Amino acid sequence: MYFAIPSLIAVGVIWSLTGVVMSDAPRKKCDTAFLLLVSGILSALISLIFFLFLQKAELSLKVLLFTGGCYFTGSAINYCMLQFMSSAMQKGPNGVIWSFIQTALIFPFLTGVIFFGDKLTILRGTGLVVLLLALILLGLGKENKEKEKGWKKITFAAFIMAGVTLSLNSIPSYFPDARNLNSMGRTFISSCGTLFAAIFYCYPKYRNYTKEMFLTELKRPVLWKYIFTLKLFGLIASYLLLYPGLDAMAKAGAGCVSYPLVIGSCIASFNLYSIFILKEKWTCLQVAGTIFCIAGEVLII
C-alpha cells in the first residue's frame, strides 16, 4: 500500500497529459486519430521487446486469453473514447469535459464491490454519492458561449466508454494467475487493442492517401512532440507504476479504490491546466462540481 498509493497518484498526474494532448493537438492541425495510431505502433514494438526479454513467469493459454481479452478490448474502447473526448473538447469547456469523463471511476469501484468482494464502507458509500452529485453539477454547468453546443451528449458517450475501459483494465489484477503477466506484456496487449481500433477508425479517412502524403504527415515536428510527450511518461507509468500499483491494491483487498486514486489526481492536474494555461472561465456550478468530484474521491479512498 505504501508503494501503491503514491504510484497511482503519480499515474493520474501523468494521465492528465493525455487530456492536454487531445485538447491541444486539433488546434495545431494535428489529427488525433493518426497521432494515436503512430503512438500505438511505437508502444507495441517497445513493449513487445521488453516483454520477450523480461517475462519470467509461465503463462497458460487460458490466462493469456482472459487477461489479454480484458486489456485488448479495454484499449480498443479507450481509443474510441479519446476520439469522442477530443471532439467534445473542441465544442465545450475542456476542464469540465475532462472532469466529467474521469468520474467514470464509479464503474471499476462498483465492479470491485459487486463482483470481487471489496468492502463498501460508510465513507466509500458517501464518496460515491458525492461523486454522483458532482456529475449532476458538472452536467448542469453552463456551456461556454465562445464554443459550439452539443458537447454534452458526446461527453456522456465518452464517459460510458471510459467506465467500461477502466473496469476491464482493473479486473485482471483480482486474479493471481493474471498478475503473472508482467507490465510490459500488459502494455503490449493494450497497445495492440489501440492499434486495432485505430486501423478501423483511420482506414476510411486515409485509404486514398499516397505514400508521399503519409510521409508528409510523419515529418511534422508537432506530431512527434505529442508522441514523445505521451510515450516518454506513459510507458514509464505503465511499466513501473500503474499495473504494479493495481496489483498491490487488489492484493490488499482495496482494488475498488485504485482508479479513484488515479482519477482524483488526474482531474486536479488537468483542471489546473485548463484554468491557468487555457484561461477557461468557470461557472459556480462547474467549480462546485469539481470540488465535489475531488471530495468524493478522497472519501472513497
Protein backbone atom coordinates (compact mmCIF):
# COMPACT_ATOMS: atom_id res chain seq x y z
CA MET A 1 0.00 0.00 0.00
CA TYR A 2 2.88 2.38 0.77
CA PHE A 3 4.06 1.83 -2.80
CA ALA A 4 0.67 1.57 -4.49
CA ILE A 5 -0.96 4.80 -3.28
CA PRO A 6 1.76 7.30 -4.35
CA SER A 7 2.34 5.30 -7.54
CA LEU A 8 -1.29 5.51 -8.62
CA ILE A 9 -1.46 9.21 -7.74
CA ALA A 10 1.61 9.77 -9.94
CA VAL A 11 -0.07 7.84 -12.76
CA GLY A 12 -3.03 10.21 -12.57
CA VAL A 13 -0.78 13.24 -12.97
CA ILE A 14 0.87 11.62 -15.99
CA TRP A 15 -2.51 10.68 -17.48
CA SER A 16 -3.53 14.33 -17.47
CA LEU A 17 -1.00 14.79 -20.28
CA THR A 18 -3.35 12.77 -22.50
CA GLY A 19 -6.07 15.33 -21.88
CA VAL A 20 -3.63 18.12 -22.69
CA VAL A 21 -2.64 16.47 -25.97
CA MET A 22 -6.23 15.63 -27.01
CA SER A 23 -7.17 19.24 -26.30
CA ASP A 24 -4.18 20.91 -27.93
CA ALA A 25 -3.44 18.70 -30.96
CA PRO A 26 -6.51 19.69 -33.05
CA ARG A 27 -5.64 23.36 -32.54
CA LYS A 28 -2.27 22.67 -34.16
CA LYS A 29 -3.98 20.85 -37.05
CA CYS A 30 -2.62 17.53 -35.81
CA ASP A 31 -5.04 14.64 -36.40
CA THR A 32 -5.52 12.86 -33.06
CA ALA A 33 -6.54 9.61 -34.80
CA PHE A 34 -3.28 9.46 -36.77
CA LEU A 35 -1.34 10.57 -33.70
CA LEU A 36 -2.72 7.70 -31.60
CA LEU A 37 -2.14 5.25 -34.45
CA VAL A 38 1.58 6.04 -34.71
CA SER A 39 1.86 6.24 -30.93
CA GLY A 40 0.23 2.80 -30.61
CA ILE A 41 2.66 1.26 -33.09
CA LEU A 42 5.63 2.54 -31.12
CA SER A 43 4.16 1.38 -27.81
CA ALA A 44 3.51 -2.10 -29.18
CA LEU A 45 7.02 -2.50 -30.58
CA ILE A 46 8.81 -1.20 -27.49
CA SER A 47 6.63 -3.19 -25.09
CA LEU A 48 6.96 -6.42 -27.11
CA ILE A 49 10.76 -6.21 -26.92
CA PHE A 50 10.73 -5.67 -23.15
CA PHE A 51 8.08 -8.38 -22.65
CA LEU A 52 10.05 -11.04 -24.53
CA PHE A 53 13.20 -10.34 -22.54
CA LEU A 54 11.72 -9.75 -19.08
CA GLN A 55 8.70 -12.09 -18.80
CA LYS A 56 9.72 -14.83 -16.35
CA ALA A 57 6.56 -16.49 -15.03
CA GLU A 58 4.93 -19.15 -17.19
CA LEU A 59 1.52 -18.26 -18.56
CA SER A 60 -1.20 -20.68 -19.62
CA LEU A 61 -3.23 -20.09 -22.77
CA LYS A 62 -6.36 -19.63 -20.65
CA VAL A 63 -4.73 -16.86 -18.61
CA LEU A 64 -3.40 -15.15 -21.72
CA LEU A 65 -6.79 -15.21 -23.42
CA PHE A 66 -8.61 -13.91 -20.37
CA THR A 67 -6.09 -11.24 -19.41
CA GLY A 68 -5.34 -10.27 -22.98
CA GLY A 69 -9.03 -10.06 -23.80
CA CYS A 70 -9.61 -7.58 -20.98
CA TYR A 71 -6.70 -5.32 -21.86
CA PHE A 72 -7.17 -5.59 -25.65
CA THR A 73 -10.89 -4.79 -25.54
CA GLY A 74 -10.44 -2.05 -22.95
CA SER A 75 -7.77 -0.31 -25.02
CA ALA A 76 -9.81 -0.53 -28.23
CA ILE A 77 -12.75 1.11 -26.47
CA ASN A 78 -10.41 3.65 -24.90
CA TYR A 79 -9.19 4.69 -28.36
CA CYS A 80 -12.76 5.45 -29.39
CA MET A 81 -13.34 7.26 -26.11
CA LEU A 82 -10.36 9.55 -26.77
CA GLN A 83 -11.77 10.47 -30.17
CA PHE A 84 -15.09 11.39 -28.59
CA MET A 85 -13.33 13.34 -25.86
CA SER A 86 -11.21 15.28 -28.35
CA SER A 87 -14.33 16.13 -30.36
CA ALA A 88 -16.17 17.31 -27.25
CA MET A 89 -13.22 19.45 -26.19
CA GLN A 90 -13.42 21.36 -29.47
CA LYS A 91 -17.02 22.27 -28.66
CA GLY A 92 -17.17 22.76 -24.89
CA PRO A 93 -15.17 23.68 -21.77
CA ASN A 94 -12.13 21.41 -21.54
CA GLY A 95 -11.85 21.23 -17.75
CA VAL A 96 -15.48 20.26 -17.26
CA ILE A 97 -15.38 17.66 -20.04
CA TRP A 98 -12.20 16.10 -18.65
CA SER A 99 -13.62 16.01 -15.12
CA PHE A 100 -16.94 14.51 -16.21
CA ILE A 101 -15.32 11.72 -18.20
CA GLN A 102 -12.86 10.90 -15.42
CA THR A 103 -15.67 10.37 -12.92
CA ALA A 104 -16.26 7.11 -14.80
CA LEU A 105 -14.17 5.73 -11.91
CA ILE A 106 -17.52 4.77 -10.35
CA PHE A 107 -17.61 1.84 -12.80
CA PRO A 108 -14.49 -0.01 -11.56
CA PHE A 109 -15.43 0.95 -7.99
CA LEU A 110 -18.79 -0.81 -8.29
CA THR A 111 -17.18 -3.70 -10.18
CA GLY A 112 -14.85 -4.32 -7.25
CA VAL A 113 -17.63 -4.11 -4.67
CA ILE A 114 -20.24 -6.17 -6.52
CA PHE A 115 -18.13 -8.88 -8.14
CA PHE A 116 -14.91 -9.13 -6.13
CA GLY A 117 -15.90 -8.55 -2.53
CA ASP A 118 -14.27 -5.17 -1.93
CA LYS A 119 -15.79 -3.62 1.18
CA LEU A 120 -18.35 -0.86 0.75
CA THR A 121 -17.76 1.17 3.93
CA ILE A 122 -19.80 4.17 5.01
CA LEU A 123 -17.08 6.55 3.83
CA ARG A 124 -16.80 4.86 0.46
CA GLY A 125 -20.57 4.87 0.03
CA THR A 126 -20.69 8.56 0.92
CA GLY A 127 -17.91 9.22 -1.55
CA LEU A 128 -19.87 7.51 -4.30
CA VAL A 129 -22.94 9.66 -3.58
CA VAL A 130 -20.78 12.81 -3.62
CA LEU A 131 -19.37 11.73 -6.99
CA LEU A 132 -22.87 11.34 -8.40
CA LEU A 133 -23.70 14.84 -7.17
CA ALA A 134 -20.57 16.05 -8.91
CA LEU A 135 -21.80 14.51 -12.17
CA ILE A 136 -25.08 16.42 -11.86
CA LEU A 137 -23.36 19.72 -11.09
CA LEU A 138 -20.87 19.34 -13.92
CA GLY A 139 -23.64 18.38 -16.32
CA LEU A 140 -25.72 21.42 -15.37
CA GLY A 141 -22.81 23.81 -15.81
CA LYS A 142 -23.47 26.49 -18.40
CA GLU A 143 -21.90 25.97 -21.80
CA ASN A 144 -19.06 28.24 -22.85
CA LYS A 145 -20.66 30.84 -25.11
CA GLU A 146 -17.48 31.14 -27.15
CA LYS A 147 -17.78 27.49 -28.27
CA GLU A 148 -20.32 25.29 -30.03
CA LYS A 149 -23.25 23.50 -28.46
CA GLY A 150 -23.78 19.75 -28.43
CA TRP A 151 -20.72 18.78 -26.41
CA LYS A 152 -22.69 17.22 -23.53
CA LYS A 153 -24.01 14.21 -25.46
CA ILE A 154 -20.56 13.46 -26.86
CA THR A 155 -19.07 13.79 -23.39
CA PHE A 156 -21.63 11.41 -21.90
CA ALA A 157 -20.85 8.79 -24.55
CA ALA A 158 -17.15 9.14 -23.75
CA PHE A 159 -17.98 8.79 -20.05
CA ILE A 160 -19.68 5.41 -20.63
CA MET A 161 -16.78 4.17 -22.75
CA ALA A 162 -14.28 5.31 -20.13
CA GLY A 163 -16.18 3.41 -17.44
CA VAL A 164 -16.11 0.17 -19.44
CA THR A 165 -12.40 0.65 -20.16
CA LEU A 166 -11.48 1.22 -16.51
CA SER A 167 -13.48 -1.81 -15.40
CA LEU A 168 -11.84 -4.10 -17.96
CA ASN A 169 -8.38 -2.83 -17.01
CA SER A 170 -8.97 -3.43 -13.30
CA ILE A 171 -10.43 -6.95 -13.49
CA PRO A 172 -7.20 -8.95 -14.19
CA SER A 173 -5.50 -7.64 -11.05
CA TYR A 174 -8.01 -9.57 -8.93
CA PHE A 175 -6.69 -12.91 -10.24
CA PRO A 176 -3.28 -14.17 -9.02
CA ASP A 177 -2.56 -16.05 -12.27
CA ALA A 178 -3.32 -12.99 -14.36
CA ARG A 179 -0.92 -10.94 -12.27
CA ASN A 180 1.90 -13.18 -13.55
CA LEU A 181 1.77 -11.33 -16.86
CA ASN A 182 4.33 -8.55 -16.46
CA SER A 183 3.63 -4.86 -17.04
CA MET A 184 5.36 -4.87 -20.43
CA GLY A 185 3.14 -7.71 -21.64
CA ARG A 186 0.02 -5.92 -20.48
CA THR A 187 1.16 -2.72 -22.17
CA PHE A 188 1.89 -4.63 -25.38
CA ILE A 189 -1.58 -6.18 -25.45
CA SER A 190 -3.16 -2.82 -24.63
CA SER A 191 -1.20 -1.21 -27.47
CA CYS A 192 -2.46 -3.91 -29.86
CA GLY A 193 -6.03 -3.06 -28.83
CA THR A 194 -5.35 0.59 -29.56
CA LEU A 195 -3.89 -0.30 -32.96
CA PHE A 196 -6.87 -2.48 -33.81
CA ALA A 197 -9.31 0.36 -33.18
CA ALA A 198 -7.04 2.94 -34.81
CA ILE A 199 -6.77 0.96 -38.05
CA PHE A 200 -10.55 0.64 -38.39
CA TYR A 201 -11.06 4.28 -37.43
CA CYS A 202 -8.38 5.65 -39.74
CA TYR A 203 -8.90 3.42 -42.79
CA PRO A 204 -11.87 5.27 -44.34
CA LYS A 205 -10.06 8.58 -43.95
CA TYR A 206 -6.61 7.50 -45.11
CA ARG A 207 -7.33 4.79 -47.68
CA ASN A 208 -6.75 7.24 -50.55
CA TYR A 209 -3.55 8.65 -49.08
CA THR A 210 -0.40 8.16 -51.10
CA LYS A 211 2.98 7.21 -49.66
CA GLU A 212 4.11 10.81 -50.07
CA MET A 213 1.11 12.09 -48.10
CA PHE A 214 1.85 9.71 -45.22
CA LEU A 215 5.50 10.76 -45.22
CA THR A 216 4.42 14.40 -45.08
CA GLU A 217 2.35 13.69 -42.00
CA LEU A 218 5.19 11.73 -40.37
CA LYS A 219 7.66 14.55 -40.99
CA ARG A 220 5.63 17.05 -38.97
CA PRO A 221 7.61 18.00 -35.83
CA VAL A 222 4.41 18.71 -33.88
CA LEU A 223 3.30 15.08 -34.34
CA TRP A 224 6.48 13.75 -32.76
CA LYS A 225 6.31 16.33 -29.99
CA TYR A 226 2.96 14.94 -28.90
CA ILE A 227 4.08 11.32 -29.34
CA PHE A 228 7.19 11.96 -27.27
CA THR A 229 5.10 13.59 -24.54
CA LEU A 230 2.67 10.66 -24.40
CA LYS A 231 5.16 7.80 -24.70
CA LEU A 232 8.05 9.02 -22.55
CA PHE A 233 5.88 9.40 -19.48
CA GLY A 234 3.11 6.98 -20.44
CA LEU A 235 5.30 3.91 -20.87
CA ILE A 236 7.21 4.62 -17.66
CA ALA A 237 3.89 4.95 -15.83
CA SER A 238 2.57 1.68 -17.27
CA TYR A 239 5.74 -0.35 -16.71
CA LEU A 240 6.68 0.82 -13.24
CA LEU A 241 3.61 2.35 -11.60
CA LEU A 242 0.15 1.55 -12.97
CA TYR A 243 0.00 -2.24 -13.22
CA PRO A 244 2.18 -2.91 -10.14
CA GLY A 245 0.01 -0.44 -8.23
CA LEU A 246 -3.25 -2.06 -9.38
CA ASP A 247 -1.93 -5.49 -8.39
CA ALA A 248 -0.80 -4.29 -4.96
CA MET A 249 -4.16 -2.67 -4.22
CA ALA A 250 -6.08 -5.77 -5.33
CA LYS A 251 -3.90 -8.00 -3.12
CA ALA A 252 -4.66 -5.72 -0.18
CA GLY A 253 -8.41 -6.00 -0.80
CA ALA A 254 -8.68 -2.37 -1.89
CA GLY A 255 -8.83 -2.79 -5.65
CA CYS A 256 -12.01 -0.73 -5.94
CA VAL A 257 -10.20 2.43 -4.82
CA SER A 258 -7.31 2.12 -7.27
CA TYR A 259 -8.83 4.19 -10.02
CA PRO A 260 -10.26 6.82 -7.66
CA LEU A 261 -6.63 7.47 -6.67
CA VAL A 262 -5.56 7.72 -10.30
CA ILE A 263 -8.51 9.77 -11.48
CA GLY A 264 -8.52 12.14 -8.50
CA SER A 265 -5.00 13.35 -9.23
CA CYS A 266 -5.81 13.31 -12.94
CA ILE A 267 -8.78 15.66 -12.54
CA ALA A 268 -6.88 18.03 -10.28
CA SER A 269 -3.91 18.18 -12.65
CA PHE A 270 -5.94 18.82 -15.79
CA ASN A 271 -8.17 21.39 -14.12
CA LEU A 272 -5.12 23.36 -13.09
CA TYR A 273 -4.04 23.24 -16.73
CA SER A 274 -7.45 24.38 -18.02
CA ILE A 275 -7.65 27.27 -15.55
CA PHE A 276 -4.09 28.59 -15.61
CA ILE A 277 -2.96 27.66 -19.14
CA LEU A 278 -6.15 27.62 -21.21
CA LYS A 279 -7.60 30.51 -19.16
CA GLU A 280 -11.08 28.98 -19.24
CA LYS A 281 -13.89 30.74 -17.38
CA TRP A 282 -15.73 28.56 -14.91
CA THR A 283 -19.26 28.99 -13.55
CA CYS A 284 -20.07 28.46 -9.88
CA LEU A 285 -21.76 25.15 -10.70
CA GLN A 286 -18.69 23.91 -12.52
CA VAL A 287 -16.40 24.89 -9.66
CA ALA A 288 -18.74 23.21 -7.16
CA GLY A 289 -18.93 20.10 -9.33
CA THR A 290 -15.17 19.78 -9.49
CA ILE A 291 -14.83 20.27 -5.73
CA PHE A 292 -17.49 17.61 -5.11
CA CYS A 293 -15.74 15.30 -7.55
CA ILE A 294 -12.40 15.50 -5.77
CA ALA A 295 -14.06 15.33 -2.32
CA GLY A 296 -15.90 12.17 -3.35
CA GLU A 297 -12.65 10.55 -4.43
CA VAL A 298 -11.00 11.41 -1.12
CA LEU A 299 -13.89 9.82 0.78
CA ILE A 300 -13.73 6.68 -1.36
CA ILE A 301 -10.07 6.20 -0.52
